[in-house]
Each structure stands twice: as C-alpha cells, then as structure tokens.
Amino acid sequence: MRRSGTAREQAGFAQQGDAVIHIQHLATSPEAPFFVPGTEGVEIHATVRPQGDETVVTKHFPNAFRETVLKQVLDARGIDEVVLVGAMSHMCIAATGRAAADFGYKTVVVHDACATRALEFNGTTVPAAQVHAANMAALAFGYAKVIGAAEWIAGEG
C-alpha cells in the first residue's frame, strides 16, 4: 500500500513506478467528532490529492485493512510491500502497519512523513513528539522497517 502522505513522498512513489493507494477515513455516524462525510476536514489535502488512476480506499476504522478492499487490491496487483505515510502515527499508521505485517507484507513506515498529536492519559499529557517516537519504536521493534524520507527517496527502503 502506498499511503498518501507528503507531496514529495507521493512523487517518489509515482517516479519509481509504484502504485499509490490513498486511504480515506469516513465516519459512519453523523455525530462523530471528525471525518464526517461531506465536511471539509474529510477531504484529501490538495497537495496529495489522487492523480490519474490512483486508487482511493475508504475505511471506517484505524486499520485500513479492516472491512475494506485494501488487501484484495494489493493482492490483485501482486503487491508484497507496503509503505505507509500519513496521519495519525498512534492510530492509523500503527494499526495499519501491524495489520500489514500480520498479513505478511514487507512493511515500511516513513517516520518523518507521518504525524500525530499530543495525547492525555490518566492526567498526564504526552507531547506529540513522544507519542510519535513511541509508536515508531514499537513498529520498528516488531512490525516494520522505519526510515526517514531521505532514505526512502534514496532507495534505502
């Protein structure tokens, strides 16, 4: 899976002849706090909007494989490696990265093309940089190769 991320990484995928598959999260409830269909916040950002025949897979859960056609799309195209970029590190990237590895795909996460936010737990605010680092460390420990964008673009992924 080539997940929509920064324009630079997206261009790198296309230049390498890789499939770019965008994952768009849509809430199933109109009362959801975000990702509500028809709202501006659910739209894919203009800098990474699908180009030409790039596939868009709609999901309703953090894991892009759960109850979607993503695995079928990847398998039909003979794709055995997925590279993840996007948001949010602690949700969609973590869940999809783990699922991709569990399905047997070689999994790469471009850490500086992913983003997250600060979180709160039990009265403690965890800064976004720490949330991101902890999730990248967990993915690198057992699920994915975690590299920087410069490494990916240089073909080290």
N, C-alpha and C. Protein backbone atom coordinates (compact mmCIF):
# COMPACT_ATOMS: atom_id res chain seq x y z
N MET A 1 0.85 -1.16 0.00
CA MET A 1 0.00 0.00 0.00
C MET A 1 0.89 1.21 0.00
N ARG A 2 0.61 2.11 -0.84
CA ARG A 2 1.29 3.38 -0.84
C ARG A 2 0.29 4.37 -0.31
N ARG A 3 0.54 4.84 0.85
CA ARG A 3 -0.42 5.68 1.54
C ARG A 3 -0.13 7.14 1.27
N SER A 4 -1.16 7.90 1.00
CA SER A 4 -0.99 9.32 0.72
C SER A 4 -0.32 10.01 1.88
N GLY A 5 0.72 10.75 1.62
CA GLY A 5 1.43 11.47 2.66
C GLY A 5 1.87 12.81 2.13
N THR A 6 3.15 13.11 2.21
CA THR A 6 3.62 14.38 1.70
C THR A 6 3.73 14.31 0.19
N ALA A 7 3.63 15.45 -0.44
CA ALA A 7 3.71 15.50 -1.90
C ALA A 7 5.04 14.94 -2.38
N ARG A 8 6.12 15.18 -1.62
CA ARG A 8 7.44 14.70 -2.01
C ARG A 8 7.48 13.17 -2.03
N GLU A 9 6.95 12.54 -0.98
CA GLU A 9 6.96 11.08 -0.96
C GLU A 9 6.03 10.51 -2.04
N GLN A 10 4.88 11.14 -2.22
CA GLN A 10 3.95 10.68 -3.23
C GLN A 10 4.61 10.73 -4.61
N ALA A 11 5.31 11.80 -4.89
CA ALA A 11 6.01 11.93 -6.18
C ALA A 11 7.07 10.85 -6.31
N GLY A 12 7.75 10.55 -5.22
CA GLY A 12 8.76 9.50 -5.25
C GLY A 12 8.17 8.14 -5.59
N PHE A 13 6.98 7.84 -5.04
CA PHE A 13 6.33 6.58 -5.35
C PHE A 13 6.00 6.50 -6.84
N ALA A 14 5.40 7.56 -7.34
CA ALA A 14 5.00 7.58 -8.74
C ALA A 14 6.21 7.49 -9.66
N GLN A 15 7.29 8.20 -9.31
CA GLN A 15 8.50 8.18 -10.13
C GLN A 15 9.12 6.79 -10.16
N GLN A 16 8.97 6.04 -9.07
CA GLN A 16 9.52 4.69 -9.01
C GLN A 16 8.60 3.67 -9.66
N GLY A 17 7.46 4.11 -10.15
CA GLY A 17 6.52 3.20 -10.78
C GLY A 17 5.66 2.44 -9.79
N ASP A 18 5.68 2.87 -8.54
CA ASP A 18 4.90 2.19 -7.51
C ASP A 18 3.44 2.63 -7.55
N ALA A 19 2.58 1.74 -7.13
CA ALA A 19 1.16 2.08 -7.00
C ALA A 19 0.99 3.03 -5.83
N VAL A 20 0.19 4.04 -6.01
CA VAL A 20 -0.16 4.95 -4.93
C VAL A 20 -1.62 4.68 -4.60
N ILE A 21 -1.85 4.23 -3.37
CA ILE A 21 -3.20 3.94 -2.92
C ILE A 21 -3.51 4.86 -1.75
N HIS A 22 -4.52 5.67 -1.91
CA HIS A 22 -4.92 6.62 -0.88
C HIS A 22 -5.94 5.95 0.02
N ILE A 23 -5.82 6.22 1.30
CA ILE A 23 -6.78 5.70 2.26
C ILE A 23 -7.51 6.90 2.85
N GLN A 24 -8.83 6.89 2.73
CA GLN A 24 -9.64 8.00 3.24
C GLN A 24 -10.56 7.47 4.34
N HIS A 25 -10.45 8.08 5.51
CA HIS A 25 -11.27 7.67 6.65
C HIS A 25 -12.57 8.47 6.64
N LEU A 26 -13.68 7.76 6.68
CA LEU A 26 -15.00 8.39 6.77
C LEU A 26 -15.72 7.84 7.99
N ALA A 27 -16.26 8.73 8.81
CA ALA A 27 -17.03 8.31 9.98
C ALA A 27 -18.35 7.69 9.52
N THR A 28 -18.85 6.76 10.31
CA THR A 28 -20.13 6.14 9.97
C THR A 28 -21.30 6.80 10.68
N SER A 29 -21.01 7.67 11.63
CA SER A 29 -22.06 8.36 12.39
C SER A 29 -21.99 9.86 12.13
N PRO A 30 -23.12 10.49 11.85
CA PRO A 30 -23.12 11.94 11.65
C PRO A 30 -22.76 12.71 12.92
N GLU A 31 -22.81 12.06 14.08
CA GLU A 31 -22.44 12.70 15.35
C GLU A 31 -20.95 12.56 15.65
N ALA A 32 -20.19 11.91 14.79
CA ALA A 32 -18.75 11.73 15.03
C ALA A 32 -18.06 13.08 15.14
N PRO A 33 -17.00 13.16 15.97
CA PRO A 33 -16.33 14.45 16.15
C PRO A 33 -15.47 14.87 14.95
N PHE A 34 -15.16 13.95 14.06
CA PHE A 34 -14.36 14.27 12.88
C PHE A 34 -14.59 13.21 11.81
N PHE A 35 -14.07 13.45 10.63
CA PHE A 35 -14.18 12.55 9.47
C PHE A 35 -15.63 12.33 9.03
N VAL A 36 -16.46 13.33 9.22
CA VAL A 36 -17.86 13.23 8.83
C VAL A 36 -17.97 13.47 7.33
N PRO A 37 -18.58 12.53 6.59
CA PRO A 37 -18.73 12.73 5.15
C PRO A 37 -19.39 14.07 4.83
N GLY A 38 -18.88 14.71 3.79
CA GLY A 38 -19.44 15.98 3.36
C GLY A 38 -18.82 17.20 4.02
N THR A 39 -17.94 16.98 5.01
CA THR A 39 -17.29 18.12 5.66
C THR A 39 -15.91 18.33 5.05
N GLU A 40 -15.42 19.55 5.18
CA GLU A 40 -14.11 19.91 4.61
C GLU A 40 -12.98 19.06 5.19
N GLY A 41 -13.05 18.76 6.49
CA GLY A 41 -11.99 18.02 7.15
C GLY A 41 -11.79 16.60 6.68
N VAL A 42 -12.74 16.06 5.97
CA VAL A 42 -12.63 14.69 5.49
C VAL A 42 -11.96 14.61 4.11
N GLU A 43 -11.82 15.75 3.47
CA GLU A 43 -11.25 15.77 2.13
C GLU A 43 -9.75 15.49 2.14
N ILE A 44 -9.27 14.80 1.13
CA ILE A 44 -7.83 14.57 0.98
C ILE A 44 -7.20 15.89 0.61
N HIS A 45 -6.14 16.26 1.31
CA HIS A 45 -5.49 17.56 1.12
C HIS A 45 -5.05 17.72 -0.33
N ALA A 46 -5.16 18.94 -0.83
CA ALA A 46 -4.85 19.24 -2.23
C ALA A 46 -3.43 18.84 -2.62
N THR A 47 -2.48 18.91 -1.69
CA THR A 47 -1.08 18.58 -2.04
C THR A 47 -0.85 17.11 -2.27
N VAL A 48 -1.79 16.26 -1.85
CA VAL A 48 -1.64 14.81 -2.04
C VAL A 48 -2.89 14.19 -2.65
N ARG A 49 -3.72 15.01 -3.26
CA ARG A 49 -4.95 14.52 -3.87
C ARG A 49 -4.63 13.46 -4.93
N PRO A 50 -5.47 12.45 -5.06
CA PRO A 50 -5.23 11.40 -6.06
C PRO A 50 -5.04 11.97 -7.46
N GLN A 51 -4.09 11.41 -8.17
CA GLN A 51 -3.78 11.81 -9.54
C GLN A 51 -4.12 10.66 -10.48
N GLY A 52 -4.65 10.98 -11.65
CA GLY A 52 -4.90 9.96 -12.67
C GLY A 52 -5.74 8.81 -12.15
N ASP A 53 -5.19 7.61 -12.25
CA ASP A 53 -5.95 6.41 -11.89
C ASP A 53 -5.58 5.87 -10.50
N GLU A 54 -5.03 6.71 -9.63
CA GLU A 54 -4.69 6.27 -8.29
C GLU A 54 -5.95 5.85 -7.52
N THR A 55 -5.84 4.75 -6.83
CA THR A 55 -6.96 4.16 -6.11
C THR A 55 -7.19 4.88 -4.78
N VAL A 56 -8.46 5.05 -4.42
CA VAL A 56 -8.84 5.54 -3.11
C VAL A 56 -9.65 4.45 -2.41
N VAL A 57 -9.19 4.02 -1.25
CA VAL A 57 -9.89 3.04 -0.44
C VAL A 57 -10.50 3.78 0.74
N THR A 58 -11.78 3.60 0.94
CA THR A 58 -12.48 4.22 2.07
C THR A 58 -12.47 3.26 3.24
N LYS A 59 -12.17 3.81 4.43
CA LYS A 59 -12.17 2.99 5.64
C LYS A 59 -12.99 3.68 6.72
N HIS A 60 -13.38 2.88 7.72
CA HIS A 60 -14.17 3.39 8.84
C HIS A 60 -13.52 3.09 10.19
N PHE A 61 -12.35 2.47 10.17
CA PHE A 61 -11.62 2.09 11.37
C PHE A 61 -10.17 2.50 11.20
N PRO A 62 -9.39 2.61 12.28
CA PRO A 62 -7.98 2.98 12.13
C PRO A 62 -7.20 2.03 11.22
N ASN A 63 -7.45 0.74 11.32
CA ASN A 63 -6.77 -0.26 10.49
C ASN A 63 -7.36 -0.21 9.07
N ALA A 64 -6.54 0.18 8.11
CA ALA A 64 -7.02 0.33 6.72
C ALA A 64 -7.39 -1.00 6.07
N PHE A 65 -7.04 -2.12 6.70
CA PHE A 65 -7.41 -3.43 6.16
C PHE A 65 -8.78 -3.88 6.68
N ARG A 66 -9.22 -3.35 7.80
CA ARG A 66 -10.45 -3.83 8.44
C ARG A 66 -11.68 -3.41 7.65
N GLU A 67 -12.40 -4.42 7.17
CA GLU A 67 -13.66 -4.22 6.45
C GLU A 67 -13.51 -3.30 5.25
N THR A 68 -12.36 -3.42 4.55
CA THR A 68 -12.13 -2.67 3.31
C THR A 68 -11.67 -3.64 2.22
N VAL A 69 -11.47 -3.11 1.04
CA VAL A 69 -10.98 -3.91 -0.08
C VAL A 69 -9.46 -3.82 -0.23
N LEU A 70 -8.79 -3.20 0.73
CA LEU A 70 -7.35 -2.95 0.58
C LEU A 70 -6.55 -4.21 0.29
N LYS A 71 -6.73 -5.26 1.07
CA LYS A 71 -5.96 -6.49 0.85
C LYS A 71 -6.24 -7.07 -0.54
N GLN A 72 -7.49 -7.05 -0.97
CA GLN A 72 -7.83 -7.55 -2.30
C GLN A 72 -7.15 -6.73 -3.39
N VAL A 73 -7.13 -5.41 -3.23
CA VAL A 73 -6.48 -4.53 -4.20
C VAL A 73 -4.99 -4.84 -4.27
N LEU A 74 -4.34 -4.95 -3.11
CA LEU A 74 -2.91 -5.24 -3.08
C LEU A 74 -2.61 -6.60 -3.71
N ASP A 75 -3.36 -7.61 -3.31
CA ASP A 75 -3.12 -8.96 -3.81
C ASP A 75 -3.39 -9.06 -5.31
N ALA A 76 -4.43 -8.40 -5.78
CA ALA A 76 -4.74 -8.43 -7.21
C ALA A 76 -3.63 -7.81 -8.04
N ARG A 77 -2.93 -6.86 -7.47
CA ARG A 77 -1.83 -6.18 -8.18
C ARG A 77 -0.47 -6.84 -7.92
N GLY A 78 -0.47 -7.90 -7.12
CA GLY A 78 0.79 -8.58 -6.82
C GLY A 78 1.72 -7.77 -5.93
N ILE A 79 1.18 -6.88 -5.15
CA ILE A 79 1.99 -6.04 -4.26
C ILE A 79 2.32 -6.82 -3.00
N ASP A 80 3.61 -6.87 -2.66
CA ASP A 80 4.02 -7.58 -1.46
C ASP A 80 4.72 -6.68 -0.44
N GLU A 81 4.87 -5.41 -0.76
CA GLU A 81 5.48 -4.44 0.14
C GLU A 81 4.56 -3.24 0.27
N VAL A 82 4.36 -2.78 1.50
CA VAL A 82 3.57 -1.58 1.73
C VAL A 82 4.45 -0.54 2.40
N VAL A 83 4.27 0.69 1.99
CA VAL A 83 5.00 1.82 2.57
C VAL A 83 3.94 2.79 3.08
N LEU A 84 4.01 3.10 4.36
CA LEU A 84 3.00 3.92 4.99
C LEU A 84 3.52 5.32 5.29
N VAL A 85 2.71 6.30 4.94
CA VAL A 85 2.93 7.69 5.31
C VAL A 85 1.57 8.28 5.61
N GLY A 86 1.51 9.29 6.47
CA GLY A 86 0.23 9.93 6.73
C GLY A 86 -0.01 10.18 8.20
N ALA A 87 -1.26 10.22 8.59
CA ALA A 87 -1.65 10.52 9.97
C ALA A 87 -2.68 9.48 10.38
N MET A 88 -2.82 9.24 11.58
CA MET A 88 -2.03 9.67 12.72
C MET A 88 -1.15 8.50 13.15
N SER A 89 0.06 8.82 13.55
CA SER A 89 1.04 7.79 13.90
C SER A 89 0.49 6.79 14.90
N HIS A 90 -0.19 7.27 15.93
CA HIS A 90 -0.64 6.39 17.02
C HIS A 90 -1.93 5.65 16.70
N MET A 91 -2.57 5.98 15.61
CA MET A 91 -3.82 5.33 15.25
C MET A 91 -3.69 4.58 13.93
N CYS A 92 -3.91 5.29 12.83
CA CYS A 92 -3.98 4.66 11.52
C CYS A 92 -2.65 4.04 11.09
N ILE A 93 -1.55 4.75 11.30
CA ILE A 93 -0.25 4.21 10.90
C ILE A 93 0.08 2.97 11.74
N ALA A 94 -0.09 3.06 13.06
CA ALA A 94 0.20 1.93 13.94
C ALA A 94 -0.69 0.72 13.62
N ALA A 95 -1.99 0.95 13.51
CA ALA A 95 -2.92 -0.15 13.27
C ALA A 95 -2.70 -0.79 11.90
N THR A 96 -2.53 0.04 10.88
CA THR A 96 -2.34 -0.48 9.53
C THR A 96 -0.98 -1.14 9.38
N GLY A 97 0.05 -0.57 10.00
CA GLY A 97 1.38 -1.17 9.96
C GLY A 97 1.41 -2.56 10.58
N ARG A 98 0.77 -2.70 11.71
CA ARG A 98 0.72 -4.01 12.37
C ARG A 98 -0.07 -5.01 11.51
N ALA A 99 -1.20 -4.57 10.98
CA ALA A 99 -2.02 -5.46 10.16
C ALA A 99 -1.27 -5.87 8.89
N ALA A 100 -0.58 -4.93 8.26
CA ALA A 100 0.18 -5.26 7.05
C ALA A 100 1.21 -6.33 7.35
N ALA A 101 1.94 -6.17 8.44
CA ALA A 101 2.94 -7.17 8.82
C ALA A 101 2.27 -8.51 9.13
N ASP A 102 1.14 -8.47 9.84
CA ASP A 102 0.43 -9.71 10.16
C ASP A 102 -0.04 -10.44 8.91
N PHE A 103 -0.37 -9.69 7.85
CA PHE A 103 -0.78 -10.30 6.59
C PHE A 103 0.42 -10.77 5.76
N GLY A 104 1.62 -10.49 6.22
CA GLY A 104 2.82 -10.97 5.53
C GLY A 104 3.44 -10.00 4.54
N TYR A 105 2.95 -8.77 4.50
CA TYR A 105 3.55 -7.78 3.61
C TYR A 105 4.85 -7.26 4.23
N LYS A 106 5.86 -7.03 3.40
CA LYS A 106 7.03 -6.30 3.86
C LYS A 106 6.51 -4.90 4.14
N THR A 107 6.75 -4.39 5.34
CA THR A 107 6.15 -3.13 5.75
C THR A 107 7.23 -2.10 6.07
N VAL A 108 7.08 -0.92 5.49
CA VAL A 108 7.99 0.20 5.71
C VAL A 108 7.15 1.38 6.15
N VAL A 109 7.63 2.10 7.17
CA VAL A 109 6.98 3.33 7.61
C VAL A 109 7.99 4.46 7.43
N VAL A 110 7.59 5.50 6.72
CA VAL A 110 8.43 6.68 6.53
C VAL A 110 8.09 7.62 7.69
N HIS A 111 8.91 7.55 8.75
CA HIS A 111 8.56 8.20 10.02
C HIS A 111 8.40 9.71 9.92
N ASP A 112 9.19 10.39 9.10
CA ASP A 112 9.06 11.84 9.04
C ASP A 112 8.05 12.29 7.98
N ALA A 113 7.28 11.34 7.47
CA ALA A 113 6.14 11.65 6.61
C ALA A 113 4.85 11.20 7.30
N CYS A 114 4.94 11.05 8.62
CA CYS A 114 3.79 10.70 9.46
C CYS A 114 3.64 11.78 10.53
N ALA A 115 2.44 11.92 11.04
CA ALA A 115 2.20 12.94 12.06
C ALA A 115 1.23 12.41 13.10
N THR A 116 1.26 13.04 14.25
CA THR A 116 0.32 12.71 15.32
C THR A 116 0.10 13.94 16.17
N ARG A 117 -0.49 13.77 17.32
CA ARG A 117 -0.77 14.89 18.21
C ARG A 117 -0.51 14.46 19.65
N ALA A 118 -0.48 15.43 20.53
CA ALA A 118 -0.33 15.13 21.95
C ALA A 118 -1.55 14.34 22.43
N LEU A 119 -1.32 13.48 23.41
CA LEU A 119 -2.39 12.69 23.99
C LEU A 119 -2.37 12.85 25.50
N GLU A 120 -3.49 12.54 26.12
CA GLU A 120 -3.60 12.61 27.57
C GLU A 120 -3.95 11.23 28.09
N PHE A 121 -3.28 10.83 29.17
CA PHE A 121 -3.62 9.57 29.83
C PHE A 121 -3.48 9.73 31.33
N ASN A 122 -4.54 9.47 32.03
CA ASN A 122 -4.53 9.46 33.48
C ASN A 122 -3.96 10.75 34.07
N GLY A 123 -4.33 11.87 33.46
CA GLY A 123 -3.90 13.16 33.95
C GLY A 123 -2.54 13.63 33.46
N THR A 124 -1.90 12.82 32.63
CA THR A 124 -0.59 13.19 32.09
C THR A 124 -0.71 13.47 30.61
N THR A 125 -0.22 14.63 30.18
CA THR A 125 -0.19 14.95 28.76
C THR A 125 1.12 14.43 28.17
N VAL A 126 1.01 13.66 27.12
CA VAL A 126 2.19 13.12 26.43
C VAL A 126 2.37 13.95 25.16
N PRO A 127 3.49 14.67 25.04
CA PRO A 127 3.72 15.50 23.86
C PRO A 127 3.71 14.69 22.57
N ALA A 128 3.29 15.34 21.50
CA ALA A 128 3.18 14.67 20.20
C ALA A 128 4.48 13.99 19.78
N ALA A 129 5.62 14.63 20.00
CA ALA A 129 6.90 14.03 19.61
C ALA A 129 7.14 12.72 20.33
N GLN A 130 6.73 12.63 21.59
CA GLN A 130 6.89 11.38 22.33
C GLN A 130 5.89 10.33 21.90
N VAL A 131 4.67 10.74 21.61
CA VAL A 131 3.66 9.81 21.09
C VAL A 131 4.18 9.20 19.79
N HIS A 132 4.67 10.06 18.91
CA HIS A 132 5.19 9.61 17.61
C HIS A 132 6.38 8.67 17.80
N ALA A 133 7.33 9.08 18.62
CA ALA A 133 8.54 8.27 18.83
C ALA A 133 8.20 6.90 19.42
N ALA A 134 7.30 6.86 20.38
CA ALA A 134 6.92 5.59 20.99
C ALA A 134 6.27 4.66 19.97
N ASN A 135 5.42 5.22 19.12
CA ASN A 135 4.76 4.39 18.11
C ASN A 135 5.73 3.93 17.03
N MET A 136 6.65 4.79 16.61
CA MET A 136 7.65 4.38 15.62
C MET A 136 8.56 3.31 16.21
N ALA A 137 8.94 3.46 17.48
CA ALA A 137 9.78 2.46 18.14
C ALA A 137 9.07 1.11 18.21
N ALA A 138 7.78 1.12 18.55
CA ALA A 138 7.03 -0.13 18.62
C ALA A 138 6.91 -0.79 17.25
N LEU A 139 6.65 -0.01 16.22
CA LEU A 139 6.57 -0.56 14.87
C LEU A 139 7.93 -1.12 14.44
N ALA A 140 9.00 -0.38 14.72
CA ALA A 140 10.34 -0.82 14.34
C ALA A 140 10.75 -2.08 15.10
N PHE A 141 10.26 -2.23 16.32
CA PHE A 141 10.62 -3.37 17.15
C PHE A 141 10.14 -4.69 16.56
N GLY A 142 8.95 -4.70 15.97
CA GLY A 142 8.45 -6.00 15.53
C GLY A 142 7.59 -6.03 14.30
N TYR A 143 7.38 -4.87 13.64
CA TYR A 143 6.43 -4.89 12.54
C TYR A 143 6.93 -4.31 11.23
N ALA A 144 7.80 -3.33 11.28
CA ALA A 144 8.13 -2.60 10.07
C ALA A 144 9.56 -2.08 10.10
N LYS A 145 10.07 -1.81 8.92
CA LYS A 145 11.30 -1.04 8.82
C LYS A 145 10.84 0.42 8.89
N VAL A 146 11.42 1.19 9.80
CA VAL A 146 11.03 2.58 9.99
C VAL A 146 12.21 3.44 9.55
N ILE A 147 11.99 4.24 8.49
CA ILE A 147 13.07 5.03 7.90
C ILE A 147 12.61 6.46 7.66
N GLY A 148 13.56 7.34 7.37
CA GLY A 148 13.26 8.71 7.03
C GLY A 148 12.96 8.88 5.56
N ALA A 149 12.37 10.01 5.21
CA ALA A 149 12.01 10.28 3.81
C ALA A 149 13.23 10.32 2.92
N ALA A 150 14.32 10.91 3.40
CA ALA A 150 15.53 10.98 2.59
C ALA A 150 16.05 9.58 2.25
N GLU A 151 15.98 8.66 3.22
CA GLU A 151 16.38 7.27 2.98
C GLU A 151 15.46 6.61 1.95
N TRP A 152 14.15 6.86 2.09
CA TRP A 152 13.19 6.27 1.16
C TRP A 152 13.44 6.75 -0.25
N ILE A 153 13.59 8.08 -0.41
CA ILE A 153 13.81 8.66 -1.72
C ILE A 153 15.11 8.16 -2.33
N ALA A 154 16.12 7.93 -1.49
CA ALA A 154 17.41 7.43 -1.97
C ALA A 154 17.36 5.94 -2.29
N GLY A 155 16.22 5.30 -2.06
CA GLY A 155 16.08 3.89 -2.39
C GLY A 155 16.58 2.95 -1.32
N GLU A 156 16.69 3.43 -0.08
CA GLU A 156 17.19 2.60 1.00
C GLU A 156 16.07 1.89 1.74
N GLY A 157 14.85 2.02 1.26
CA GLY A 157 13.70 1.42 1.97
C GLY A 157 13.45 0.05 1.52
